Amino acid sequence: MRHGAPVCIRVRTGFTLSELVVAMTVAGVMLAIVTGIAVKQQRVLADLADDAALGAQLQDARAIVPAELRAIATAAGDVRDARDTAVEFRSVIANAVVCDTTASSLVLAPVATTVTTLASIAQPIEANDTAWVLSLDDSGPTWMPARVTGVGTAAPGACPSPAPALDATQRSLARVSLTLSTRPSSPLGMPVRVTRPVRYSLYKASDNDWYVGQRDWNNSSLRLNTIQPVAGPFLSAAQSGLRFTYLDTTGTVLSTPVADSRAIALIRVDVRGETQHVHRALGAAGVAARARDSATAFVFMRNR
């Protein structure tokens, strides 16, 4: 048997340096692209969350303040102070019909959850609140004010004529009785509304941000309580973070502070804010800034 020269077989076990360099370069490019997309997506989501938070703040202010204003009657003098960044008024905390009377008090219709209800009490009535009883005389309907000097509870029962008739459920409920500084004449069946002062304004808080705040009335100290935030933060007063505009029945804008609040027929409420963080994905190209937005509500006054 003839033997030839030995045969060498080379087994390849790795990559060449040039192949590794190309692979790492391609992987790096792909990783950079994926990372950029992820960062962009994260920034978009953060911007959208910031926008949603600002929108919620604006809608809170747009819902709370106008809802309070819709219950007042400027023609009756409910607005106590009207300025461009603040408004103070008599907030209605209870509405009812006079169901009965005693020697010293008025008994209100009971608060019921039935289809027909003759009373609604949003906050407990307190001494030093103001009760307004509708009076009908030759000069027309007039709301007669009286200071509440005492609040009690009357036993269940029916309302005598001419007060409205109560159903069986209402006749079984306890009723609120009010002692007033001035007792109106012939109050049976007349509507009553109980008011308490409240003030909404834009203020700078301890965190240096600006908020829409509320100051409610303290019947013990006979002054407004410390302001509490209800919505925000918003832009500063100089940037019109909150602005009230008052118009009369002809659409003429009234100068502030309004001298005669009874002339107010329409109140425009504007709130403006900006996001808490700089927009990096949704902003204008090459511009890093906070996004701004606003909300507006128009409140037409009752009986105007």
Protein backbone atom coordinates (compact mmCIF):
# COMPACT_ATOMS: atom_id res chain seq x y z
CA MET A 1 0.00 0.00 0.00
CA ARG A 2 1.33 3.38 -1.04
CA HIS A 3 1.32 6.13 1.46
CA GLY A 4 1.12 9.75 0.30
CA ALA A 5 1.90 13.02 2.08
CA PRO A 6 -0.15 13.77 5.25
CA VAL A 7 -3.32 15.84 4.85
CA CYS A 8 -3.88 18.81 7.26
CA ILE A 9 -7.49 19.69 8.10
CA ARG A 10 -8.01 23.21 9.71
CA VAL A 11 -11.15 23.60 11.84
CA ARG A 12 -12.46 27.22 12.16
CA THR A 13 -13.46 27.92 15.78
CA GLY A 14 -14.14 31.74 15.94
CA PHE A 15 -14.51 35.03 14.11
CA THR A 16 -11.91 37.21 12.62
CA LEU A 17 -11.23 40.60 14.15
CA SER A 18 -12.78 42.40 11.21
CA GLU A 19 -15.98 40.33 11.55
CA LEU A 20 -16.20 41.17 15.25
CA VAL A 21 -15.75 44.86 14.53
CA VAL A 22 -18.53 44.82 11.92
CA ALA A 23 -20.88 42.87 14.20
CA MET A 24 -20.27 45.16 17.15
CA THR A 25 -20.77 48.21 14.99
CA VAL A 26 -24.10 46.93 13.65
CA ALA A 27 -25.23 45.92 17.16
CA GLY A 28 -24.27 49.33 18.52
CA VAL A 29 -26.22 51.11 15.81
CA MET A 30 -29.28 48.92 16.45
CA LEU A 31 -29.01 49.45 20.22
CA ALA A 32 -28.75 53.20 19.74
CA ILE A 33 -31.86 53.17 17.53
CA VAL A 34 -33.85 51.08 20.01
CA THR A 35 -32.69 53.22 22.94
CA GLY A 36 -33.63 56.40 21.10
CA ILE A 37 -37.10 55.06 20.35
CA ALA A 38 -37.55 54.00 23.99
CA VAL A 39 -36.42 57.37 25.31
CA LYS A 40 -38.65 59.20 22.83
CA GLN A 41 -41.61 57.02 23.85
CA GLN A 42 -40.89 57.63 27.55
CA ARG A 43 -40.78 61.38 26.95
CA VAL A 44 -44.03 61.29 24.98
CA LEU A 45 -45.77 59.41 27.80
CA ALA A 46 -44.36 61.81 30.41
CA ASP A 47 -45.53 64.83 28.37
CA LEU A 48 -48.99 63.32 27.92
CA ALA A 49 -49.25 62.61 31.66
CA ASP A 50 -48.18 66.20 32.37
CA ASP A 51 -50.82 67.51 29.95
CA ALA A 52 -53.49 65.32 31.54
CA ALA A 53 -52.58 66.58 35.01
CA LEU A 54 -52.83 70.20 33.85
CA GLY A 55 -56.16 69.51 32.15
CA ALA A 56 -57.53 67.99 35.34
CA GLN A 57 -56.42 71.02 37.36
CA LEU A 58 -58.10 73.39 34.93
CA GLN A 59 -61.31 71.37 34.90
CA ASP A 60 -61.38 71.28 38.71
CA ALA A 61 -61.32 75.07 38.87
CA ARG A 62 -63.76 75.34 35.95
CA ALA A 63 -66.23 73.06 37.74
CA ILE A 64 -65.96 74.22 41.36
CA VAL A 65 -66.04 78.02 41.10
CA PRO A 66 -68.84 78.36 38.47
CA ALA A 67 -70.97 75.80 40.34
CA GLU A 68 -70.89 78.05 43.41
CA LEU A 69 -71.58 81.18 41.38
CA ARG A 70 -74.64 79.69 39.66
CA ALA A 71 -76.53 79.59 42.97
CA ILE A 72 -76.25 83.29 43.76
CA ALA A 73 -78.48 86.20 42.77
CA THR A 74 -76.54 89.38 42.09
CA ALA A 75 -79.74 91.42 41.85
CA ALA A 76 -80.40 90.52 45.49
CA GLY A 77 -76.94 91.73 46.52
CA ASP A 78 -75.36 88.31 46.95
CA VAL A 79 -71.97 89.48 45.65
CA ARG A 80 -70.07 91.23 48.45
CA ASP A 81 -66.83 91.98 46.58
CA ALA A 82 -66.03 91.58 42.87
CA ARG A 83 -62.42 91.92 41.73
CA ASP A 84 -60.44 90.63 38.76
CA THR A 85 -58.64 87.94 40.81
CA ALA A 86 -61.19 87.40 43.61
CA VAL A 87 -64.91 87.24 44.24
CA GLU A 88 -66.71 87.12 47.57
CA PHE A 89 -70.38 86.26 47.78
CA ARG A 90 -73.13 84.78 49.90
CA SER A 91 -73.00 81.06 49.23
CA VAL A 92 -76.31 79.20 49.52
CA ILE A 93 -75.93 76.33 51.99
CA ALA A 94 -79.63 75.43 52.34
CA ASN A 95 -82.97 75.84 50.58
CA ALA A 96 -86.33 74.94 52.07
CA VAL A 97 -89.99 75.82 52.42
CA VAL A 98 -91.42 77.06 55.71
CA CYS A 99 -93.48 74.13 56.92
CA ASP A 100 -94.66 75.47 60.30
CA THR A 101 -94.05 78.19 62.88
CA THR A 102 -93.77 78.42 66.64
CA ALA A 103 -93.80 81.42 68.90
CA SER A 104 -90.11 82.06 68.27
CA SER A 105 -88.99 80.02 65.26
CA LEU A 106 -89.65 78.80 61.74
CA VAL A 107 -89.90 75.08 61.11
CA LEU A 108 -88.50 74.02 57.74
CA ALA A 109 -89.81 71.20 55.61
CA PRO A 110 -87.88 67.95 56.17
CA VAL A 111 -85.07 66.83 53.91
CA ALA A 112 -86.37 63.75 52.10
CA THR A 113 -85.05 61.48 49.36
CA THR A 114 -88.46 61.08 47.79
CA VAL A 115 -89.32 62.30 44.30
CA THR A 116 -90.93 65.43 45.74
CA THR A 117 -88.65 67.16 48.23
CA LEU A 118 -89.15 70.58 49.78
CA ALA A 119 -85.74 71.07 51.40
CA SER A 120 -82.06 70.67 50.58
CA ILE A 121 -79.32 71.31 53.15
CA ALA A 122 -75.77 71.13 51.77
CA GLN A 123 -74.10 72.19 55.04
CA PRO A 124 -75.43 72.23 58.60
CA ILE A 125 -77.06 75.59 59.38
CA GLU A 126 -75.35 77.51 62.19
CA ALA A 127 -76.06 80.53 64.34
CA ASN A 128 -74.98 83.76 62.59
CA ASP A 129 -75.85 82.40 59.15
CA THR A 130 -78.33 84.55 57.24
CA ALA A 131 -81.82 83.30 56.40
CA TRP A 132 -83.67 84.92 53.50
CA VAL A 133 -87.44 84.47 53.53
CA LEU A 134 -89.44 85.38 50.45
CA SER A 135 -92.07 88.01 51.20
CA LEU A 136 -94.95 88.85 48.88
CA ASP A 137 -96.40 92.33 49.19
CA ASP A 138 -97.76 95.13 47.01
CA SER A 139 -94.28 96.11 45.84
CA GLY A 140 -93.56 92.57 44.57
CA PRO A 141 -91.57 89.60 45.86
CA THR A 142 -88.73 90.54 48.22
CA TRP A 143 -86.18 88.42 50.02
CA MET A 144 -86.16 89.53 53.65
CA PRO A 145 -82.89 88.81 55.51
CA ALA A 146 -82.62 87.82 59.16
CA ARG A 147 -79.72 86.55 61.24
CA VAL A 148 -80.02 82.99 62.49
CA THR A 149 -79.76 83.17 66.29
CA GLY A 150 -80.51 79.53 67.03
CA VAL A 151 -80.87 76.15 65.31
CA GLY A 152 -82.95 73.31 66.73
CA THR A 153 -84.94 70.22 65.84
CA ALA A 154 -88.71 70.02 65.58
CA ALA A 155 -90.69 66.81 65.93
CA PRO A 156 -92.10 65.11 62.81
CA GLY A 157 -95.51 66.23 61.64
CA ALA A 158 -97.61 67.74 58.89
CA CYS A 159 -97.50 71.29 57.58
CA PRO A 160 -100.60 73.41 58.20
CA SER A 161 -102.21 75.26 55.29
CA PRO A 162 -101.11 77.19 53.26
CA ALA A 163 -97.81 75.29 53.51
CA PRO A 164 -97.44 72.34 51.13
CA ALA A 165 -98.82 68.96 52.10
CA LEU A 166 -96.26 66.32 53.03
CA ASP A 167 -96.44 62.67 52.09
CA ALA A 168 -96.31 59.89 54.67
CA THR A 169 -92.53 59.54 54.48
CA GLN A 170 -91.94 63.27 54.93
CA ARG A 171 -94.36 63.48 57.87
CA SER A 172 -92.26 60.88 59.70
CA LEU A 173 -89.02 62.87 59.47
CA ALA A 174 -87.60 65.33 61.98
CA ARG A 175 -87.43 68.95 60.86
CA VAL A 176 -84.99 71.81 61.36
CA SER A 177 -86.22 74.87 63.25
CA LEU A 178 -84.61 78.29 62.98
CA THR A 179 -84.78 81.13 65.45
CA LEU A 180 -84.26 84.43 63.65
CA SER A 181 -83.32 87.92 64.75
CA THR A 182 -86.39 89.22 62.90
CA ARG A 183 -89.43 87.03 62.48
CA PRO A 184 -91.12 87.55 59.09
CA SER A 185 -94.87 87.94 58.82
CA SER A 186 -96.98 85.23 57.12
CA PRO A 187 -94.03 82.93 56.34
CA LEU A 188 -96.00 79.68 55.97
CA GLY A 189 -95.27 78.03 52.64
CA MET A 190 -92.66 80.66 51.70
CA PRO A 191 -89.25 79.65 50.32
CA VAL A 192 -86.21 80.15 52.56
CA ARG A 193 -82.58 80.18 51.56
CA VAL A 194 -79.74 80.21 54.06
CA THR A 195 -76.44 81.80 53.06
CA ARG A 196 -72.90 82.05 54.39
CA PRO A 197 -70.07 84.19 52.96
CA VAL A 198 -67.32 82.54 50.92
CA ARG A 199 -64.42 83.97 48.94
CA TYR A 200 -62.53 82.51 45.99
CA SER A 201 -59.22 84.04 44.94
CA LEU A 202 -55.82 83.32 43.43
CA TYR A 203 -53.03 83.18 46.01
CA LYS A 204 -49.37 82.25 46.32
CA ALA A 205 -48.81 79.26 48.61
CA SER A 206 -45.79 78.38 50.73
CA ASP A 207 -44.38 76.24 47.88
CA ASN A 208 -44.25 79.42 45.72
CA ASP A 209 -46.92 78.08 43.36
CA TRP A 210 -50.22 79.84 42.70
CA TYR A 211 -53.55 78.19 43.52
CA VAL A 212 -57.26 78.93 43.38
CA GLY A 213 -58.21 79.04 47.05
CA GLN A 214 -61.37 79.25 49.11
CA ARG A 215 -61.98 81.08 52.36
CA ASP A 216 -65.20 80.11 54.09
CA TRP A 217 -66.89 82.01 56.90
CA ASN A 218 -66.32 81.23 60.56
CA ASN A 219 -69.50 81.96 62.50
CA SER A 220 -67.63 81.88 65.83
CA SER A 221 -64.96 84.46 64.99
CA LEU A 222 -67.21 86.30 62.48
CA ARG A 223 -64.50 86.41 59.86
CA LEU A 224 -63.18 84.38 56.96
CA ASN A 225 -61.05 81.35 57.74
CA THR A 226 -57.52 80.78 56.43
CA ILE A 227 -57.49 80.22 52.70
CA GLN A 228 -57.42 76.61 51.50
CA PRO A 229 -56.44 75.41 48.00
CA VAL A 230 -59.19 73.93 45.84
CA ALA A 231 -57.36 73.63 42.49
CA GLY A 232 -53.96 74.28 40.97
CA PRO A 233 -51.19 75.14 40.61
CA PHE A 234 -51.82 77.78 37.94
CA LEU A 235 -50.01 80.76 36.47
CA SER A 236 -49.36 83.76 38.70
CA ALA A 237 -51.67 86.72 39.14
CA ALA A 238 -49.47 88.78 36.81
CA GLN A 239 -49.94 86.07 34.14
CA SER A 240 -53.73 85.91 34.69
CA GLY A 241 -53.75 82.50 36.34
CA LEU A 242 -57.29 83.29 37.51
CA ARG A 243 -59.34 86.16 36.16
CA PHE A 244 -62.95 87.19 36.71
CA THR A 245 -64.66 89.42 34.16
CA TYR A 246 -68.02 90.99 35.03
CA LEU A 247 -70.56 92.16 32.45
CA ASP A 248 -73.91 93.93 32.79
CA THR A 249 -77.15 93.19 30.93
CA THR A 250 -75.93 95.09 27.84
CA GLY A 251 -72.70 93.07 27.63
CA THR A 252 -70.57 95.98 28.83
CA VAL A 253 -67.53 94.96 30.89
CA LEU A 254 -67.66 96.45 34.39
CA SER A 255 -64.47 97.92 35.84
CA THR A 256 -63.07 96.20 38.92
CA PRO A 257 -63.59 96.33 41.78
CA VAL A 258 -67.23 96.52 40.74
CA ALA A 259 -68.90 99.48 42.46
CA ASP A 260 -72.46 98.16 42.18
CA SER A 261 -72.49 94.36 42.25
CA ARG A 262 -76.25 94.33 41.55
CA ALA A 263 -75.44 95.35 37.97
CA ILE A 264 -73.60 92.07 37.29
CA ALA A 265 -75.50 89.88 34.84
CA LEU A 266 -72.69 87.61 33.64
CA ILE A 267 -69.42 86.44 35.16
CA ARG A 268 -66.66 85.04 32.98
CA VAL A 269 -64.14 82.81 34.76
CA ASP A 270 -60.75 82.18 33.09
CA VAL A 271 -58.05 79.91 34.52
CA ARG A 272 -54.61 79.44 32.97
CA GLY A 273 -51.85 77.03 33.85
CA GLU A 274 -48.73 75.32 32.61
CA THR A 275 -47.32 71.83 32.96
CA GLN A 276 -45.07 71.05 35.90
CA HIS A 277 -42.23 69.86 33.66
CA VAL A 278 -40.59 70.99 30.43
CA HIS A 279 -41.98 69.28 27.35
CA ARG A 280 -39.16 67.46 25.54
CA ALA A 281 -41.12 65.38 23.06
CA LEU A 282 -44.31 67.27 22.24
CA GLY A 283 -42.93 70.80 22.25
CA ALA A 284 -41.95 72.86 19.24
CA ALA A 285 -38.84 71.69 17.41
CA GLY A 286 -35.72 72.90 19.16
CA VAL A 287 -37.70 74.56 21.96
CA ALA A 288 -37.74 73.16 25.51
CA ALA A 289 -40.56 74.82 27.44
CA ARG A 290 -43.56 74.06 29.61
CA ALA A 291 -46.85 73.66 27.77
CA ARG A 292 -49.68 76.06 28.66
CA ASP A 293 -53.43 75.64 28.53
CA SER A 294 -56.56 77.46 29.71
CA ALA A 295 -60.24 76.93 30.48
CA THR A 296 -63.16 79.37 30.42
CA ALA A 297 -66.64 79.28 31.94
CA PHE A 298 -69.54 81.72 31.58
CA VAL A 299 -72.00 82.01 34.45
CA PHE A 300 -75.27 83.84 33.82
CA MET A 301 -76.78 85.28 36.99
CA ARG A 302 -80.25 84.19 38.10
CA ASN A 303 -83.21 86.53 37.67
CA ARG A 304 -81.35 88.77 35.23
